[in-house]
Amino acid sequence: MRDWAKDTIKNHGKSIARIFLIHMLGVALGWAAYPLFLLLLARHVTIDVPMAVFSVFASIVYAAMLVSQGNEFGLTDRKPYNWARYKAKGFVVGAAAGLIVFILELVFIAVANRHFVVSHPNFDIPNINSYIRMILYVPFFWFYKLIQIDAIVPRVTVLSSLFAIPFCSLFTGAGYLFGSAGVTVDFRPKKRRS
């Protein structure tokens, strides 16, 4: 295999790994406030309301991290490195990372359906199953809550779990396009000169 092909595969692999890591950071951010909501608000409202509100914030931060990372990829590709550069690279890398998340979510759904189903002769209790399904998708809690308003913990289905692919692809691709055009996206606070 030529050096160019090896460098291209290595570059794409590192980029996909970084986007996947950002997804895991988004998941950690989404679950970070959950114990606090339980302690502060459990007596007053069901947990889904503050989780839905906080998950909007988590999604915004997650999207900003994706745009920033995609921007870094685009700025790096402006330099004369020996790997493939194309306009849709950010979209492809984001979609590939989203696909990995989707495949992992299918595993979580299968495990939840096999081992975490609590039934009663008169009714089903889907909450434990729904929590297991929501592990990787907590930054999108608001989205699933919009789909299933009546459920306290909305269920992630095989079809709705595809949401991670366009989300990752769209924001990473937009950041990459900015970077490849030479526009630097920086969300860090600016230091004031004294």
N, C-alpha and C. Protein backbone atom coordinates (compact mmCIF):
# COMPACT_ATOMS: atom_id res chain seq x y z
N MET A 1 0.85 -1.17 0.00
CA MET A 1 0.00 0.00 0.00
C MET A 1 0.90 1.25 0.00
N ARG A 2 0.53 2.21 -0.79
CA ARG A 2 1.34 3.43 -0.89
C ARG A 2 1.27 4.24 0.40
N ASP A 3 2.25 5.09 0.60
CA ASP A 3 2.29 5.94 1.79
C ASP A 3 1.08 6.87 1.85
N TRP A 4 0.64 7.37 0.70
CA TRP A 4 -0.51 8.28 0.66
C TRP A 4 -1.76 7.58 1.19
N ALA A 5 -1.98 6.34 0.77
CA ALA A 5 -3.15 5.59 1.22
C ALA A 5 -3.06 5.30 2.72
N LYS A 6 -1.86 4.92 3.20
CA LYS A 6 -1.69 4.67 4.63
C LYS A 6 -1.95 5.92 5.44
N ASP A 7 -1.41 7.05 4.99
CA ASP A 7 -1.61 8.31 5.70
C ASP A 7 -3.08 8.73 5.69
N THR A 8 -3.76 8.50 4.58
CA THR A 8 -5.19 8.83 4.49
C THR A 8 -6.01 8.00 5.45
N ILE A 9 -5.75 6.70 5.48
CA ILE A 9 -6.49 5.81 6.40
C ILE A 9 -6.20 6.19 7.85
N LYS A 10 -4.93 6.45 8.16
CA LYS A 10 -4.55 6.84 9.52
C LYS A 10 -5.20 8.17 9.91
N ASN A 11 -5.22 9.14 8.99
CA ASN A 11 -5.83 10.44 9.27
C ASN A 11 -7.33 10.32 9.50
N HIS A 12 -8.00 9.56 8.65
CA HIS A 12 -9.44 9.35 8.83
C HIS A 12 -9.74 8.61 10.13
N GLY A 13 -8.94 7.60 10.45
CA GLY A 13 -9.14 6.84 11.68
C GLY A 13 -8.98 7.71 12.92
N LYS A 14 -7.93 8.55 12.94
CA LYS A 14 -7.73 9.45 14.08
C LYS A 14 -8.88 10.45 14.19
N SER A 15 -9.34 10.94 13.06
CA SER A 15 -10.45 11.90 13.06
C SER A 15 -11.73 11.26 13.59
N ILE A 16 -12.02 10.06 13.15
CA ILE A 16 -13.22 9.35 13.62
C ILE A 16 -13.11 9.09 15.12
N ALA A 17 -11.92 8.70 15.57
CA ALA A 17 -11.72 8.45 17.01
C ALA A 17 -11.94 9.72 17.82
N ARG A 18 -11.49 10.85 17.32
CA ARG A 18 -11.70 12.11 18.04
C ARG A 18 -13.17 12.48 18.12
N ILE A 19 -13.90 12.29 17.04
CA ILE A 19 -15.33 12.61 17.05
C ILE A 19 -16.06 11.65 18.00
N PHE A 20 -15.67 10.40 18.01
CA PHE A 20 -16.27 9.45 18.95
C PHE A 20 -15.96 9.85 20.40
N LEU A 21 -14.74 10.30 20.65
CA LEU A 21 -14.38 10.78 21.99
C LEU A 21 -15.24 11.99 22.38
N ILE A 22 -15.48 12.88 21.44
CA ILE A 22 -16.34 14.03 21.72
C ILE A 22 -17.75 13.57 22.05
N HIS A 23 -18.23 12.53 21.35
CA HIS A 23 -19.55 12.00 21.70
C HIS A 23 -19.55 11.49 23.14
N MET A 24 -18.50 10.79 23.54
CA MET A 24 -18.43 10.28 24.90
C MET A 24 -18.37 11.43 25.92
N LEU A 25 -17.71 12.53 25.57
CA LEU A 25 -17.71 13.71 26.43
C LEU A 25 -19.11 14.30 26.53
N GLY A 26 -19.85 14.31 25.42
CA GLY A 26 -21.23 14.77 25.43
C GLY A 26 -22.11 13.89 26.30
N VAL A 27 -21.86 12.58 26.26
CA VAL A 27 -22.60 11.64 27.11
C VAL A 27 -22.29 11.92 28.59
N ALA A 28 -21.00 12.11 28.90
CA ALA A 28 -20.62 12.40 30.29
C ALA A 28 -21.25 13.71 30.75
N LEU A 29 -21.26 14.71 29.90
CA LEU A 29 -21.90 15.98 30.26
C LEU A 29 -23.39 15.80 30.48
N GLY A 30 -24.03 15.00 29.64
CA GLY A 30 -25.47 14.77 29.77
C GLY A 30 -25.84 14.07 31.07
N TRP A 31 -25.00 13.13 31.52
CA TRP A 31 -25.30 12.39 32.75
C TRP A 31 -24.80 13.12 33.98
N ALA A 32 -23.93 14.11 33.82
CA ALA A 32 -23.31 14.77 34.97
C ALA A 32 -24.33 15.41 35.91
N ALA A 33 -25.36 16.01 35.37
CA ALA A 33 -26.33 16.73 36.21
C ALA A 33 -27.46 15.84 36.72
N TYR A 34 -27.51 14.61 36.26
CA TYR A 34 -28.64 13.75 36.63
C TYR A 34 -28.78 13.55 38.14
N PRO A 35 -27.70 13.23 38.89
CA PRO A 35 -27.86 13.08 40.35
C PRO A 35 -28.31 14.38 41.02
N LEU A 36 -27.84 15.51 40.51
CA LEU A 36 -28.25 16.79 41.07
C LEU A 36 -29.75 17.02 40.89
N PHE A 37 -30.27 16.69 39.70
CA PHE A 37 -31.71 16.83 39.46
C PHE A 37 -32.51 15.92 40.39
N LEU A 38 -32.00 14.71 40.59
CA LEU A 38 -32.69 13.79 41.49
C LEU A 38 -32.77 14.35 42.91
N LEU A 39 -31.67 14.92 43.38
CA LEU A 39 -31.64 15.45 44.74
C LEU A 39 -32.49 16.71 44.90
N LEU A 40 -32.39 17.60 43.94
CA LEU A 40 -33.05 18.90 44.09
C LEU A 40 -34.52 18.92 43.69
N LEU A 41 -34.86 18.20 42.63
CA LEU A 41 -36.18 18.38 42.04
C LEU A 41 -37.08 17.16 42.10
N ALA A 42 -36.62 16.04 42.62
CA ALA A 42 -37.41 14.81 42.59
C ALA A 42 -38.73 14.94 43.33
N ARG A 43 -38.79 15.78 44.35
CA ARG A 43 -40.04 15.94 45.10
C ARG A 43 -41.05 16.83 44.39
N HIS A 44 -40.57 17.66 43.48
CA HIS A 44 -41.44 18.68 42.88
C HIS A 44 -41.92 18.33 41.47
N VAL A 45 -41.06 17.76 40.67
CA VAL A 45 -41.43 17.40 39.29
C VAL A 45 -40.84 16.04 38.96
N THR A 46 -41.36 15.43 37.91
CA THR A 46 -40.74 14.19 37.45
C THR A 46 -39.41 14.53 36.79
N ILE A 47 -38.51 13.58 36.78
CA ILE A 47 -37.14 13.84 36.36
C ILE A 47 -37.02 14.19 34.88
N ASP A 48 -38.01 13.87 34.07
CA ASP A 48 -37.91 14.11 32.64
C ASP A 48 -37.88 15.59 32.27
N VAL A 49 -38.55 16.43 33.02
CA VAL A 49 -38.61 17.86 32.68
C VAL A 49 -37.23 18.51 32.81
N PRO A 50 -36.56 18.45 33.97
CA PRO A 50 -35.23 19.07 34.03
C PRO A 50 -34.21 18.37 33.14
N MET A 51 -34.34 17.07 32.96
CA MET A 51 -33.41 16.37 32.06
C MET A 51 -33.56 16.85 30.63
N ALA A 52 -34.80 17.06 30.20
CA ALA A 52 -35.02 17.55 28.84
C ALA A 52 -34.42 18.94 28.66
N VAL A 53 -34.61 19.80 29.66
CA VAL A 53 -34.06 21.16 29.58
C VAL A 53 -32.54 21.11 29.60
N PHE A 54 -31.96 20.34 30.51
CA PHE A 54 -30.50 20.27 30.58
C PHE A 54 -29.91 19.62 29.34
N SER A 55 -30.60 18.65 28.76
CA SER A 55 -30.06 17.97 27.58
C SER A 55 -29.99 18.91 26.38
N VAL A 56 -30.85 19.93 26.33
CA VAL A 56 -30.72 20.94 25.27
C VAL A 56 -29.37 21.64 25.42
N PHE A 57 -29.04 22.02 26.64
CA PHE A 57 -27.74 22.63 26.92
C PHE A 57 -26.60 21.67 26.55
N ALA A 58 -26.72 20.40 26.93
CA ALA A 58 -25.69 19.40 26.61
C ALA A 58 -25.54 19.23 25.10
N SER A 59 -26.65 19.25 24.37
CA SER A 59 -26.59 19.13 22.91
C SER A 59 -25.90 20.33 22.27
N ILE A 60 -26.15 21.52 22.81
CA ILE A 60 -25.51 22.73 22.27
C ILE A 60 -24.00 22.67 22.49
N VAL A 61 -23.59 22.28 23.69
CA VAL A 61 -22.15 22.16 23.97
C VAL A 61 -21.53 21.07 23.11
N TYR A 62 -22.23 19.96 22.97
CA TYR A 62 -21.76 18.85 22.13
C TYR A 62 -21.61 19.30 20.68
N ALA A 63 -22.60 20.02 20.16
CA ALA A 63 -22.53 20.52 18.78
C ALA A 63 -21.37 21.49 18.62
N ALA A 64 -21.15 22.36 19.61
CA ALA A 64 -20.02 23.29 19.54
C ALA A 64 -18.69 22.55 19.53
N MET A 65 -18.58 21.48 20.32
CA MET A 65 -17.35 20.68 20.31
C MET A 65 -17.14 20.02 18.94
N LEU A 66 -18.23 19.54 18.33
CA LEU A 66 -18.12 18.93 17.00
C LEU A 66 -17.68 19.95 15.96
N VAL A 67 -18.29 21.13 15.99
CA VAL A 67 -17.92 22.19 15.04
C VAL A 67 -16.45 22.57 15.23
N SER A 68 -16.03 22.73 16.48
CA SER A 68 -14.66 23.10 16.76
C SER A 68 -13.67 22.03 16.28
N GLN A 69 -13.99 20.77 16.52
CA GLN A 69 -13.10 19.69 16.09
C GLN A 69 -13.08 19.59 14.56
N GLY A 70 -14.25 19.70 13.94
CA GLY A 70 -14.30 19.69 12.48
C GLY A 70 -13.51 20.85 11.89
N ASN A 71 -13.58 22.01 12.54
CA ASN A 71 -12.82 23.18 12.11
C ASN A 71 -11.33 22.91 12.18
N GLU A 72 -10.92 22.25 13.26
CA GLU A 72 -9.50 21.91 13.40
C GLU A 72 -9.06 20.96 12.27
N PHE A 73 -9.91 19.99 11.93
CA PHE A 73 -9.58 19.09 10.81
C PHE A 73 -9.42 19.89 9.51
N GLY A 74 -10.35 20.82 9.27
CA GLY A 74 -10.29 21.62 8.04
C GLY A 74 -9.06 22.51 7.99
N LEU A 75 -8.70 23.13 9.12
CA LEU A 75 -7.51 23.97 9.15
C LEU A 75 -6.25 23.14 8.94
N THR A 76 -6.22 21.93 9.51
CA THR A 76 -5.08 21.04 9.33
C THR A 76 -4.95 20.61 7.87
N ASP A 77 -6.07 20.36 7.21
CA ASP A 77 -6.03 19.91 5.82
C ASP A 77 -5.64 21.02 4.85
N ARG A 78 -5.59 22.25 5.29
CA ARG A 78 -5.11 23.34 4.44
C ARG A 78 -3.59 23.27 4.28
N LYS A 79 -2.93 22.61 5.20
CA LYS A 79 -1.47 22.48 5.14
C LYS A 79 -1.12 21.36 4.17
N PRO A 80 0.05 21.39 3.60
CA PRO A 80 0.41 20.39 2.58
C PRO A 80 0.81 19.03 3.16
N TYR A 81 -0.14 18.37 3.79
CA TYR A 81 0.13 17.02 4.29
C TYR A 81 -0.19 16.01 3.20
N ASN A 82 0.30 14.79 3.39
CA ASN A 82 0.17 13.75 2.38
C ASN A 82 -1.00 12.82 2.71
N TRP A 83 -2.24 13.33 2.62
CA TRP A 83 -3.44 12.53 2.76
C TRP A 83 -4.58 13.16 1.98
N ALA A 84 -5.66 12.44 1.86
CA ALA A 84 -6.78 12.89 1.03
C ALA A 84 -7.48 14.10 1.67
N ARG A 85 -7.81 15.07 0.82
CA ARG A 85 -8.60 16.23 1.21
C ARG A 85 -9.75 16.35 0.23
N TYR A 86 -10.94 16.53 0.76
CA TYR A 86 -12.12 16.74 -0.08
C TYR A 86 -13.15 17.48 0.74
N LYS A 87 -14.05 18.19 0.10
CA LYS A 87 -15.00 19.07 0.79
C LYS A 87 -15.91 18.33 1.76
N ALA A 88 -16.26 17.10 1.47
CA ALA A 88 -17.20 16.35 2.31
C ALA A 88 -16.50 15.55 3.42
N LYS A 89 -15.21 15.77 3.62
CA LYS A 89 -14.46 14.98 4.58
C LYS A 89 -15.05 15.09 5.99
N GLY A 90 -15.40 16.28 6.42
CA GLY A 90 -15.99 16.45 7.75
C GLY A 90 -17.31 15.71 7.89
N PHE A 91 -18.12 15.73 6.81
CA PHE A 91 -19.40 15.02 6.84
C PHE A 91 -19.17 13.50 6.91
N VAL A 92 -18.19 13.02 6.16
CA VAL A 92 -17.88 11.59 6.14
C VAL A 92 -17.35 11.13 7.50
N VAL A 93 -16.42 11.88 8.06
CA VAL A 93 -15.84 11.52 9.36
C VAL A 93 -16.91 11.56 10.44
N GLY A 94 -17.75 12.60 10.43
CA GLY A 94 -18.83 12.70 11.41
C GLY A 94 -19.82 11.57 11.27
N ALA A 95 -20.17 11.22 10.03
CA ALA A 95 -21.12 10.12 9.81
C ALA A 95 -20.52 8.79 10.25
N ALA A 96 -19.22 8.60 10.01
CA ALA A 96 -18.58 7.35 10.43
C ALA A 96 -18.56 7.23 11.95
N ALA A 97 -18.27 8.33 12.65
CA ALA A 97 -18.30 8.29 14.12
C ALA A 97 -19.73 8.07 14.60
N GLY A 98 -20.71 8.72 13.96
CA GLY A 98 -22.11 8.51 14.31
C GLY A 98 -22.54 7.07 14.07
N LEU A 99 -22.00 6.45 13.03
CA LEU A 99 -22.31 5.05 12.73
C LEU A 99 -21.77 4.13 13.83
N ILE A 100 -20.60 4.44 14.36
CA ILE A 100 -20.05 3.65 15.47
C ILE A 100 -20.95 3.77 16.69
N VAL A 101 -21.41 5.00 16.97
CA VAL A 101 -22.32 5.21 18.10
C VAL A 101 -23.62 4.45 17.87
N PHE A 102 -24.12 4.48 16.64
CA PHE A 102 -25.36 3.77 16.29
C PHE A 102 -25.20 2.27 16.51
N ILE A 103 -24.08 1.71 16.08
CA ILE A 103 -23.85 0.27 16.25
C ILE A 103 -23.76 -0.08 17.74
N LEU A 104 -23.07 0.75 18.51
CA LEU A 104 -23.02 0.52 19.96
C LEU A 104 -24.41 0.62 20.58
N GLU A 105 -25.22 1.55 20.10
CA GLU A 105 -26.58 1.68 20.62
C GLU A 105 -27.41 0.45 20.30
N LEU A 106 -27.20 -0.16 19.14
CA LEU A 106 -27.91 -1.40 18.81
C LEU A 106 -27.55 -2.50 19.82
N VAL A 107 -26.28 -2.52 20.23
CA VAL A 107 -25.87 -3.48 21.25
C VAL A 107 -26.59 -3.19 22.57
N PHE A 108 -26.66 -1.91 22.95
CA PHE A 108 -27.35 -1.54 24.19
C PHE A 108 -28.83 -1.91 24.11
N ILE A 109 -29.45 -1.70 22.97
CA ILE A 109 -30.87 -2.05 22.81
C ILE A 109 -31.05 -3.56 22.95
N ALA A 110 -30.17 -4.33 22.31
CA ALA A 110 -30.27 -5.79 22.40
C ALA A 110 -30.07 -6.28 23.83
N VAL A 111 -29.09 -5.71 24.53
CA VAL A 111 -28.84 -6.10 25.93
C VAL A 111 -30.04 -5.71 26.80
N ALA A 112 -30.56 -4.50 26.59
CA ALA A 112 -31.71 -4.04 27.38
C ALA A 112 -32.93 -4.92 27.15
N ASN A 113 -33.14 -5.32 25.90
CA ASN A 113 -34.31 -6.16 25.60
C ASN A 113 -34.16 -7.58 26.13
N ARG A 114 -32.94 -8.03 26.25
CA ARG A 114 -32.73 -9.40 26.71
C ARG A 114 -32.67 -9.52 28.24
N HIS A 115 -32.00 -8.55 28.89
CA HIS A 115 -31.72 -8.70 30.31
C HIS A 115 -32.42 -7.70 31.21
N PHE A 116 -32.96 -6.62 30.67
CA PHE A 116 -33.52 -5.58 31.52
C PHE A 116 -34.97 -5.28 31.17
N VAL A 117 -35.78 -6.31 31.15
CA VAL A 117 -37.21 -6.15 30.93
C VAL A 117 -37.91 -6.59 32.21
N VAL A 118 -38.60 -5.64 32.84
CA VAL A 118 -39.33 -5.93 34.07
C VAL A 118 -40.81 -5.98 33.73
N SER A 119 -41.45 -7.10 34.00
CA SER A 119 -42.86 -7.25 33.67
C SER A 119 -43.65 -7.61 34.91
N HIS A 120 -44.90 -7.31 34.79
CA HIS A 120 -45.88 -7.62 35.83
C HIS A 120 -47.07 -8.24 35.10
N PRO A 121 -47.84 -9.09 35.73
CA PRO A 121 -48.97 -9.68 35.00
C PRO A 121 -49.95 -8.65 34.43
N ASN A 122 -50.06 -7.49 35.06
CA ASN A 122 -51.04 -6.50 34.59
C ASN A 122 -50.43 -5.35 33.79
N PHE A 123 -49.15 -5.08 33.94
CA PHE A 123 -48.55 -3.95 33.21
C PHE A 123 -47.06 -4.18 33.05
N ASP A 124 -46.46 -3.47 32.09
CA ASP A 124 -45.02 -3.52 31.86
C ASP A 124 -44.36 -2.30 32.51
N ILE A 125 -43.14 -2.47 32.97
CA ILE A 125 -42.39 -1.38 33.57
C ILE A 125 -41.18 -1.12 32.66
N PRO A 126 -41.28 -0.16 31.75
CA PRO A 126 -40.21 0.02 30.77
C PRO A 126 -39.06 0.90 31.23
N ASN A 127 -39.10 1.48 32.43
CA ASN A 127 -38.10 2.47 32.81
C ASN A 127 -36.67 1.94 32.83
N ILE A 128 -36.43 0.76 33.40
CA ILE A 128 -35.06 0.23 33.45
C ILE A 128 -34.56 -0.02 32.03
N ASN A 129 -35.40 -0.62 31.23
CA ASN A 129 -35.06 -0.85 29.83
C ASN A 129 -34.76 0.47 29.13
N SER A 130 -35.57 1.48 29.37
CA SER A 130 -35.38 2.79 28.72
C SER A 130 -34.10 3.47 29.19
N TYR A 131 -33.77 3.34 30.48
CA TYR A 131 -32.52 3.92 30.98
C TYR A 131 -31.31 3.28 30.30
N ILE A 132 -31.32 1.97 30.16
CA ILE A 132 -30.20 1.29 29.49
C ILE A 132 -30.08 1.76 28.05
N ARG A 133 -31.20 1.92 27.38
CA ARG A 133 -31.18 2.39 25.99
C ARG A 133 -30.70 3.84 25.88
N MET A 134 -30.90 4.63 26.94
CA MET A 134 -30.58 6.05 26.89
C MET A 134 -29.13 6.35 27.25
N ILE A 135 -28.35 5.35 27.64
CA ILE A 135 -26.98 5.59 28.12
C ILE A 135 -26.16 6.41 27.14
N LEU A 136 -26.11 6.02 25.89
CA LEU A 136 -25.30 6.73 24.90
C LEU A 136 -26.00 7.93 24.28
N TYR A 137 -27.29 8.06 24.52
CA TYR A 137 -28.06 9.09 23.81
C TYR A 137 -28.59 10.17 24.75
N VAL A 138 -28.05 10.28 25.95
CA VAL A 138 -28.56 11.26 26.90
C VAL A 138 -28.40 12.71 26.43
N PRO A 139 -27.41 13.08 25.60
CA PRO A 139 -27.42 14.47 25.12
C PRO A 139 -28.64 14.78 24.24
N PHE A 140 -29.28 13.75 23.72
CA PHE A 140 -30.45 13.94 22.86
C PHE A 140 -31.75 13.63 23.61
N PHE A 141 -31.72 13.65 24.92
CA PHE A 141 -32.91 13.35 25.72
C PHE A 141 -34.07 14.23 25.28
N TRP A 142 -33.82 15.50 25.00
CA TRP A 142 -34.87 16.43 24.58
C TRP A 142 -35.54 15.96 23.28
N PHE A 143 -34.74 15.42 22.36
CA PHE A 143 -35.28 14.94 21.08
C PHE A 143 -36.22 13.76 21.30
N TYR A 144 -35.80 12.82 22.11
CA TYR A 144 -36.64 11.64 22.37
C TYR A 144 -37.85 12.01 23.22
N LYS A 145 -37.71 13.04 24.04
CA LYS A 145 -38.85 13.50 24.82
C LYS A 145 -39.89 14.15 23.90
N LEU A 146 -39.45 14.83 22.86
CA LEU A 146 -40.38 15.39 21.87
C LEU A 146 -41.13 14.30 21.12
N ILE A 147 -40.45 13.20 20.86
CA ILE A 147 -41.08 12.08 20.15
C ILE A 147 -42.09 11.36 21.04
N GLN A 148 -41.73 11.18 22.33
CA GLN A 148 -42.58 10.43 23.27
C GLN A 148 -42.87 11.30 24.49
N ILE A 149 -43.81 12.18 24.36
CA ILE A 149 -44.12 13.14 25.42
C ILE A 149 -44.65 12.44 26.68
N ASP A 150 -45.40 11.37 26.52
CA ASP A 150 -46.05 10.74 27.67
C ASP A 150 -45.13 9.87 28.52
N ALA A 151 -43.94 9.53 28.05
CA ALA A 151 -43.02 8.66 28.80
C ALA A 151 -42.10 9.50 29.69
N ILE A 152 -41.85 9.03 30.90
CA ILE A 152 -40.91 9.73 31.78
C ILE A 152 -39.49 9.57 31.24
N VAL A 153 -39.12 8.36 30.92
CA VAL A 153 -37.84 8.11 30.27
C VAL A 153 -38.15 7.59 28.87
N PRO A 154 -37.97 8.43 27.85
CA PRO A 154 -38.32 7.99 26.50
C PRO A 154 -37.43 6.85 26.03
N ARG A 155 -37.98 6.01 25.18
CA ARG A 155 -37.25 4.85 24.67
C ARG A 155 -36.55 5.19 23.37
N VAL A 156 -35.31 4.77 23.27
CA VAL A 156 -34.57 4.88 22.02
C VAL A 156 -34.86 3.62 21.23
N THR A 157 -35.36 3.77 20.02
CA THR A 157 -35.64 2.62 19.16
C THR A 157 -34.55 2.49 18.12
N VAL A 158 -34.58 1.41 17.38
CA VAL A 158 -33.58 1.20 16.33
C VAL A 158 -33.65 2.33 15.30
N LEU A 159 -34.85 2.72 14.92
CA LEU A 159 -35.00 3.78 13.92
C LEU A 159 -34.59 5.14 14.49
N SER A 160 -35.04 5.46 15.69
CA SER A 160 -34.72 6.78 16.24
C SER A 160 -33.25 6.89 16.67
N SER A 161 -32.57 5.77 16.84
CA SER A 161 -31.16 5.83 17.21
C SER A 161 -30.28 6.27 16.04
N LEU A 162 -30.84 6.33 14.86
CA LEU A 162 -30.09 6.85 13.72
C LEU A 162 -29.81 8.34 13.85
N PHE A 163 -30.45 9.02 14.79
CA PHE A 163 -30.32 10.47 14.97
C PHE A 163 -28.86 10.89 15.17
N ALA A 164 -28.05 10.07 15.78
CA ALA A 164 -26.65 10.42 16.05
C ALA A 164 -25.85 10.61 14.76
N ILE A 165 -26.19 9.88 13.71
CA ILE A 165 -25.41 9.95 12.47
C ILE A 165 -25.55 11.32 11.81
N PRO A 166 -26.78 11.81 11.53
CA PRO A 166 -26.84 13.14 10.92
C PRO A 166 -26.38 14.26 11.86
N PHE A 167 -26.59 14.09 13.18
CA PHE A 167 -26.16 15.11 14.12
C PHE A 167 -24.64 15.28 14.06
N CYS A 168 -23.91 14.17 14.21
CA CYS A 168 -22.44 14.23 14.15
C CYS A 168 -21.96 14.72 12.79
N SER A 169 -22.56 14.21 11.74
CA SER A 169 -22.14 14.55 10.39
C SER A 169 -22.37 16.03 10.08
N LEU A 170 -23.51 16.54 10.44
CA LEU A 170 -23.85 17.94 10.13
C LEU A 170 -22.90 18.92 10.81
N PHE A 171 -22.69 18.76 12.10
CA PHE A 171 -21.87 19.73 12.83
C PHE A 171 -20.38 19.57 12.55
N THR A 172 -19.91 18.34 12.40
CA THR A 172 -18.50 18.14 12.06
C THR A 172 -18.24 18.64 10.64
N GLY A 173 -19.16 18.35 9.72
CA GLY A 173 -19.00 18.80 8.34
C GLY A 173 -19.01 20.31 8.21
N ALA A 174 -19.90 20.97 8.96
CA ALA A 174 -19.93 22.44 8.92
C ALA A 174 -18.63 23.02 9.45
N GLY A 175 -18.12 22.47 10.53
CA GLY A 175 -16.85 22.94 11.07
C GLY A 175 -15.71 22.70 10.10
N TYR A 176 -15.72 21.56 9.43
CA TYR A 176 -14.67 21.26 8.45
C TYR A 176 -14.71 22.25 7.28
N LEU A 177 -15.91 22.56 6.81
CA LEU A 177 -16.03 23.51 5.70
C LEU A 177 -15.49 24.89 6.10
N PHE A 178 -15.80 25.32 7.32
CA PHE A 178 -15.23 26.59 7.79
C PHE A 178 -13.71 26.52 7.83
N GLY A 179 -13.18 25.44 8.38
CA GLY A 179 -11.73 25.30 8.49
C GLY A 179 -11.05 25.21 7.14
N SER A 180 -11.63 24.46 6.21
CA SER A 180 -11.00 24.33 4.90
C SER A 180 -11.07 25.64 4.11
N ALA A 181 -12.00 26.53 4.49
CA ALA A 181 -12.09 27.85 3.86
C ALA A 181 -11.18 28.86 4.56
N GLY A 182 -10.51 28.44 5.64
CA GLY A 182 -9.60 29.32 6.35
C GLY A 182 -10.23 30.10 7.49
N VAL A 183 -11.47 29.80 7.81
CA VAL A 183 -12.16 30.48 8.91
C VAL A 183 -11.92 29.68 10.19
N THR A 184 -11.39 30.35 11.21
CA THR A 184 -11.13 29.70 12.48
C THR A 184 -12.33 29.89 13.40
N VAL A 185 -12.88 28.78 13.88
CA VAL A 185 -13.98 28.82 14.84
C VAL A 185 -13.37 28.56 16.21
N ASP A 186 -13.49 29.56 17.08
CA ASP A 186 -12.90 29.46 18.41
C ASP A 186 -13.93 29.86 19.44
N PHE A 187 -14.34 28.92 20.29
CA PHE A 187 -15.35 29.18 21.30
C PHE A 187 -14.75 29.53 22.65
N ARG A 188 -13.43 29.61 22.73
CA ARG A 188 -12.80 29.96 24.00
C ARG A 188 -13.01 31.44 24.29
N PRO A 189 -13.13 31.77 25.57
CA PRO A 189 -13.28 33.20 25.91
C PRO A 189 -12.02 33.97 25.57
N LYS A 190 -12.20 35.16 25.06
CA LYS A 190 -11.07 36.00 24.67
C LYS A 190 -10.45 36.64 25.92
N LYS A 191 -9.13 36.72 25.92
CA LYS A 191 -8.44 37.39 27.02
C LYS A 191 -8.41 38.88 26.74
N ARG A 192 -8.75 39.65 27.77
CA ARG A 192 -8.72 41.10 27.63
C ARG A 192 -7.32 41.62 27.92
N ARG A 193 -6.93 42.59 27.11
CA ARG A 193 -5.63 43.21 27.36
C ARG A 193 -5.79 44.31 28.38
N SER A 194 -4.86 44.36 29.31
CA SER A 194 -4.95 45.38 30.36
C SER A 194 -4.24 46.64 29.96
